[in-house]
């Protein structure tokens, strides 16, 4: 079931793109919230893959 870890990493990459877009649009609060979700998805994906 390695595909779930890869999917989480892909989701994290997508969310990081959203963070950049929101930051450039001067929506700092939305960027920070999305960044927290991106970090969670990235950490979850890495932990899933090393387990």
PDB file of N, CA and C in Angstrom:
ATOM      1  N   UNK A   1       0.819  -1.189   0.000  1.00  0.00           N
ATOM      2  CA  UNK A   1       0.000   0.000   0.000  1.00  0.00           C
ATOM      3  C   UNK A   1       0.869   1.261   0.000  1.00  0.00           C
ATOM      4  N   UNK A   2       1.967   1.195  -0.751  1.00  0.00           N
ATOM      5  CA  UNK A   2       2.866   2.341  -0.855  1.00  0.00           C
ATOM      6  C   UNK A   2       2.248   3.500  -1.612  1.00  0.00           C
ATOM      7  N   UNK A   3       1.232   3.220  -2.380  1.00  0.00           N
ATOM      8  CA  UNK A   3       0.633   4.274  -3.203  1.00  0.00           C
ATOM      9  C   UNK A   3       0.031   5.383  -2.354  1.00  0.00           C
ATOM     10  N   UNK A   4      -0.387   5.064  -1.128  1.00  0.00           N
ATOM     11  CA  UNK A   4      -0.974   6.086  -0.271  1.00  0.00           C
ATOM     12  C   UNK A   4       0.074   7.109   0.160  1.00  0.00           C
ATOM     13  N   UNK A   5       1.271   6.646   0.476  1.00  0.00           N
ATOM     14  CA  UNK A   5       2.350   7.564   0.819  1.00  0.00           C
ATOM     15  C   UNK A   5       2.728   8.458  -0.345  1.00  0.00           C
ATOM     16  N   UNK A   6       2.749   7.869  -1.530  1.00  0.00           N
ATOM     17  CA  UNK A   6       3.060   8.652  -2.731  1.00  0.00           C
ATOM     18  C   UNK A   6       1.944   9.658  -3.008  1.00  0.00           C
ATOM     19  N   UNK A   7       0.706   9.247  -2.784  1.00  0.00           N
ATOM     20  CA  UNK A   7      -0.427  10.156  -2.986  1.00  0.00           C
ATOM     21  C   UNK A   7      -0.371  11.327  -1.994  1.00  0.00           C
ATOM     22  N   UNK A   8       0.039  11.052  -0.753  1.00  0.00           N
ATOM     23  CA  UNK A   8       0.168  12.124   0.224  1.00  0.00           C
ATOM     24  C   UNK A   8       1.261  13.111  -0.168  1.00  0.00           C
ATOM     25  N   UNK A   9       2.360  12.607  -0.694  1.00  0.00           N
ATOM     26  CA  UNK A   9       3.429  13.495  -1.148  1.00  0.00           C
ATOM     27  C   UNK A   9       2.977  14.324  -2.351  1.00  0.00           C
ATOM     28  N   UNK A  10       2.213  13.718  -3.239  1.00  0.00           N
ATOM     29  CA  UNK A  10       1.683  14.469  -4.376  1.00  0.00           C
ATOM     30  C   UNK A  10       0.712  15.550  -3.903  1.00  0.00           C
ATOM     31  N   UNK A  11      -0.117  15.219  -2.934  1.00  0.00           N
ATOM     32  CA  UNK A  11      -1.039  16.197  -2.367  1.00  0.00           C
ATOM     33  C   UNK A  11      -0.272  17.341  -1.716  1.00  0.00           C
ATOM     34  N   UNK A  12       0.809  17.018  -1.027  1.00  0.00           N
ATOM     35  CA  UNK A  12       1.631  18.055  -0.400  1.00  0.00           C
ATOM     36  C   UNK A  12       2.216  18.993  -1.453  1.00  0.00           C
ATOM     37  N   UNK A  13       2.677  18.445  -2.548  1.00  0.00           N
ATOM     38  CA  UNK A  13       3.206  19.281  -3.622  1.00  0.00           C
ATOM     39  C   UNK A  13       2.147  20.192  -4.210  1.00  0.00           C
ATOM     40  N   UNK A  14       0.952  19.663  -4.390  1.00  0.00           N
ATOM     41  CA  UNK A  14      -0.163  20.463  -4.895  1.00  0.00           C
ATOM     42  C   UNK A  14      -0.496  21.590  -3.926  1.00  0.00           C
ATOM     43  N   UNK A  15      -0.504  21.274  -2.637  1.00  0.00           N
ATOM     44  CA  UNK A  15      -0.822  22.283  -1.628  1.00  0.00           C
ATOM     45  C   UNK A  15       0.259  23.356  -1.540  1.00  0.00           C
ATOM     46  N   UNK A  16       1.517  22.991  -1.732  1.00  0.00           N
ATOM     47  CA  UNK A  16       2.593  23.982  -1.720  1.00  0.00           C
ATOM     48  C   UNK A  16       2.390  24.977  -2.863  1.00  0.00           C
ATOM     49  N   UNK A  17       1.953  24.489  -3.996  1.00  0.00           N
ATOM     50  CA  UNK A  17       1.624  25.392  -5.096  1.00  0.00           C
ATOM     51  C   UNK A  17       0.512  26.354  -4.709  1.00  0.00           C
ATOM     52  N   UNK A  18      -0.452  25.874  -3.962  1.00  0.00           N
ATOM     53  CA  UNK A  18      -1.520  26.735  -3.464  1.00  0.00           C
ATOM     54  C   UNK A  18      -1.011  27.770  -2.481  1.00  0.00           C
ATOM     55  N   UNK A  19      -0.045  27.371  -1.665  1.00  0.00           N
ATOM     56  CA  UNK A  19       0.553  28.317  -0.719  1.00  0.00           C
ATOM     57  C   UNK A  19       1.229  29.461  -1.469  1.00  0.00           C
ATOM     58  N   UNK A  20       1.994  29.127  -2.483  1.00  0.00           N
ATOM     59  CA  UNK A  20       2.680  30.157  -3.264  1.00  0.00           C
ATOM     60  C   UNK A  20       1.664  31.084  -3.928  1.00  0.00           C
ATOM     61  N   UNK A  21       0.622  30.506  -4.489  1.00  0.00           N
ATOM     62  CA  UNK A  21      -0.402  31.303  -5.157  1.00  0.00           C
ATOM     63  C   UNK A  21      -1.121  32.225  -4.171  1.00  0.00           C
ATOM     64  N   UNK A  22      -1.485  31.694  -3.020  1.00  0.00           N
ATOM     65  CA  UNK A  22      -2.167  32.509  -2.018  1.00  0.00           C
ATOM     66  C   UNK A  22      -1.252  33.606  -1.475  1.00  0.00           C
ATOM     67  N   UNK A  23       0.011  33.287  -1.274  1.00  0.00           N
ATOM     68  CA  UNK A  23       0.956  34.271  -0.747  1.00  0.00           C
ATOM     69  C   UNK A  23       1.111  35.439  -1.723  1.00  0.00           C
ATOM     70  N   UNK A  24       1.201  35.130  -3.005  1.00  0.00           N
ATOM     71  CA  UNK A  24       1.340  36.185  -4.021  1.00  0.00           C
ATOM     72  C   UNK A  24       0.075  37.024  -4.148  1.00  0.00           C
ATOM     73  N   UNK A  25      -1.061  36.450  -3.790  1.00  0.00           N
ATOM     74  CA  UNK A  25      -2.330  37.182  -3.842  1.00  0.00           C
ATOM     75  C   UNK A  25      -2.600  37.930  -2.531  1.00  0.00           C
ATOM     76  N   UNK A  26      -1.602  38.004  -1.662  1.00  0.00           N
ATOM     77  CA  UNK A  26      -1.682  38.693  -0.368  1.00  0.00           C
ATOM     78  C   UNK A  26      -2.749  38.113   0.558  1.00  0.00           C
ATOM     79  N   UNK A  27      -2.967  36.825   0.464  1.00  0.00           N
ATOM     80  CA  UNK A  27      -3.855  36.135   1.393  1.00  0.00           C
ATOM     81  C   UNK A  27      -2.981  35.332   2.352  1.00  0.00           C
ATOM     82  N   UNK A  28      -2.388  36.037   3.304  1.00  0.00           N
ATOM     83  CA  UNK A  28      -1.400  35.424   4.201  1.00  0.00           C
ATOM     84  C   UNK A  28      -2.013  34.354   5.104  1.00  0.00           C
ATOM     85  N   UNK A  29      -3.190  34.619   5.631  1.00  0.00           N
ATOM     86  CA  UNK A  29      -3.818  33.652   6.540  1.00  0.00           C
ATOM     87  C   UNK A  29      -4.126  32.355   5.796  1.00  0.00           C
ATOM     88  N   UNK A  30      -4.682  32.469   4.611  1.00  0.00           N
ATOM     89  CA  UNK A  30      -4.975  31.274   3.816  1.00  0.00           C
ATOM     90  C   UNK A  30      -3.714  30.520   3.448  1.00  0.00           C
ATOM     91  N   UNK A  31      -2.641  31.256   3.166  1.00  0.00           N
ATOM     92  CA  UNK A  31      -1.375  30.617   2.820  1.00  0.00           C
ATOM     93  C   UNK A  31      -0.806  29.843   4.006  1.00  0.00           C
ATOM     94  N   UNK A  32      -0.906  30.423   5.182  1.00  0.00           N
ATOM     95  CA  UNK A  32      -0.381  29.738   6.379  1.00  0.00           C
ATOM     96  C   UNK A  32      -1.193  28.487   6.680  1.00  0.00           C
ATOM     97  N   UNK A  33      -2.501  28.595   6.587  1.00  0.00           N
ATOM     98  CA  UNK A  33      -3.353  27.429   6.859  1.00  0.00           C
ATOM     99  C   UNK A  33      -3.076  26.321   5.845  1.00  0.00           C
ATOM    100  N   UNK A  34      -2.978  26.688   4.576  1.00  0.00           N
ATOM    101  CA  UNK A  34      -2.686  25.701   3.543  1.00  0.00           C
ATOM    102  C   UNK A  34      -1.289  25.119   3.740  1.00  0.00           C
ATOM    103  N   UNK A  35      -0.352  25.943   4.192  1.00  0.00           N
ATOM    104  CA  UNK A  35       1.001  25.465   4.471  1.00  0.00           C
ATOM    105  C   UNK A  35       1.036  24.435   5.585  1.00  0.00           C
ATOM    106  N   UNK A  36       0.216  24.623   6.588  1.00  0.00           N
ATOM    107  CA  UNK A  36       0.142  23.648   7.679  1.00  0.00           C
ATOM    108  C   UNK A  36      -0.381  22.309   7.156  1.00  0.00           C
ATOM    109  N   UNK A  37      -1.394  22.363   6.317  1.00  0.00           N
ATOM    110  CA  UNK A  37      -1.910  21.125   5.725  1.00  0.00           C
ATOM    111  C   UNK A  37      -0.886  20.476   4.797  1.00  0.00           C
ATOM    112  N   UNK A  38      -0.137  21.292   4.062  1.00  0.00           N
ATOM    113  CA  UNK A  38       0.901  20.762   3.174  1.00  0.00           C
ATOM    114  C   UNK A  38       1.993  20.071   3.981  1.00  0.00           C
ATOM    115  N   UNK A  39       2.399  20.688   5.077  1.00  0.00           N
ATOM    116  CA  UNK A  39       3.430  20.082   5.928  1.00  0.00           C
ATOM    117  C   UNK A  39       2.926  18.771   6.526  1.00  0.00           C
ATOM    118  N   UNK A  40       1.689  18.749   6.954  1.00  0.00           N
ATOM    119  CA  UNK A  40       1.118  17.518   7.502  1.00  0.00           C
ATOM    120  C   UNK A  40       1.060  16.405   6.477  1.00  0.00           C
ATOM    121  N   UNK A  41       0.678  16.744   5.254  1.00  0.00           N
ATOM    122  CA  UNK A  41       0.621  15.730   4.198  1.00  0.00           C
ATOM    123  C   UNK A  41       2.012  15.223   3.856  1.00  0.00           C
ATOM    124  N   UNK A  42       2.996  16.118   3.827  1.00  0.00           N
ATOM    125  CA  UNK A  42       4.366  15.710   3.516  1.00  0.00           C
ATOM    126  C   UNK A  42       4.931  14.800   4.601  1.00  0.00           C
ATOM    127  N   UNK A  43       4.735  15.187   5.851  1.00  0.00           N
ATOM    128  CA  UNK A  43       5.236  14.357   6.950  1.00  0.00           C
ATOM    129  C   UNK A  43       4.523  13.006   6.963  1.00  0.00           C
ATOM    130  N   UNK A  44       3.214  13.029   6.768  1.00  0.00           N
ATOM    131  CA  UNK A  44       2.459  11.776   6.721  1.00  0.00           C
ATOM    132  C   UNK A  44       2.917  10.873   5.594  1.00  0.00           C
ATOM    133  N   UNK A  45       3.182  11.453   4.430  1.00  0.00           N
ATOM    134  CA  UNK A  45       3.644  10.656   3.290  1.00  0.00           C
ATOM    135  C   UNK A  45       5.012  10.033   3.539  1.00  0.00           C
ATOM    136  N   UNK A  46       5.914  10.821   4.107  1.00  0.00           N
ATOM    137  CA  UNK A  46       7.257  10.284   4.394  1.00  0.00           C
ATOM    138  C   UNK A  46       7.184   9.193   5.455  1.00  0.00           C
ATOM    139  N   UNK A  47       6.429   9.439   6.504  1.00  0.00           N
ATOM    140  CA  UNK A  47       6.306   8.419   7.561  1.00  0.00           C
ATOM    141  C   UNK A  47       5.640   7.150   7.024  1.00  0.00           C
ATOM    142  N   UNK A  48       4.680   7.306   6.144  1.00  0.00           N
ATOM    143  CA  UNK A  48       4.015   6.147   5.563  1.00  0.00           C
ATOM    144  C   UNK A  48       5.007   5.313   4.750  1.00  0.00           C
ATOM    145  N   UNK A  49       5.882   6.000   4.025  1.00  0.00           N
ATOM    146  CA  UNK A  49       6.832   5.286   3.158  1.00  0.00           C
ATOM    147  C   UNK A  49       7.969   4.633   3.936  1.00  0.00           C
ATOM    148  N   UNK A  50       8.385   5.205   5.048  1.00  0.00           N
ATOM    149  CA  UNK A  50       9.497   4.599   5.795  1.00  0.00           C
ATOM    150  C   UNK A  50       9.036   3.533   6.771  1.00  0.00           C
ATOM    151  N   UNK A  51       7.740   3.438   6.992  1.00  0.00           N
ATOM    152  CA  UNK A  51       7.225   2.437   7.921  1.00  0.00           C
ATOM    153  C   UNK A  51       7.280   1.037   7.365  1.00  0.00           C
TER     154      UNK A  51
END
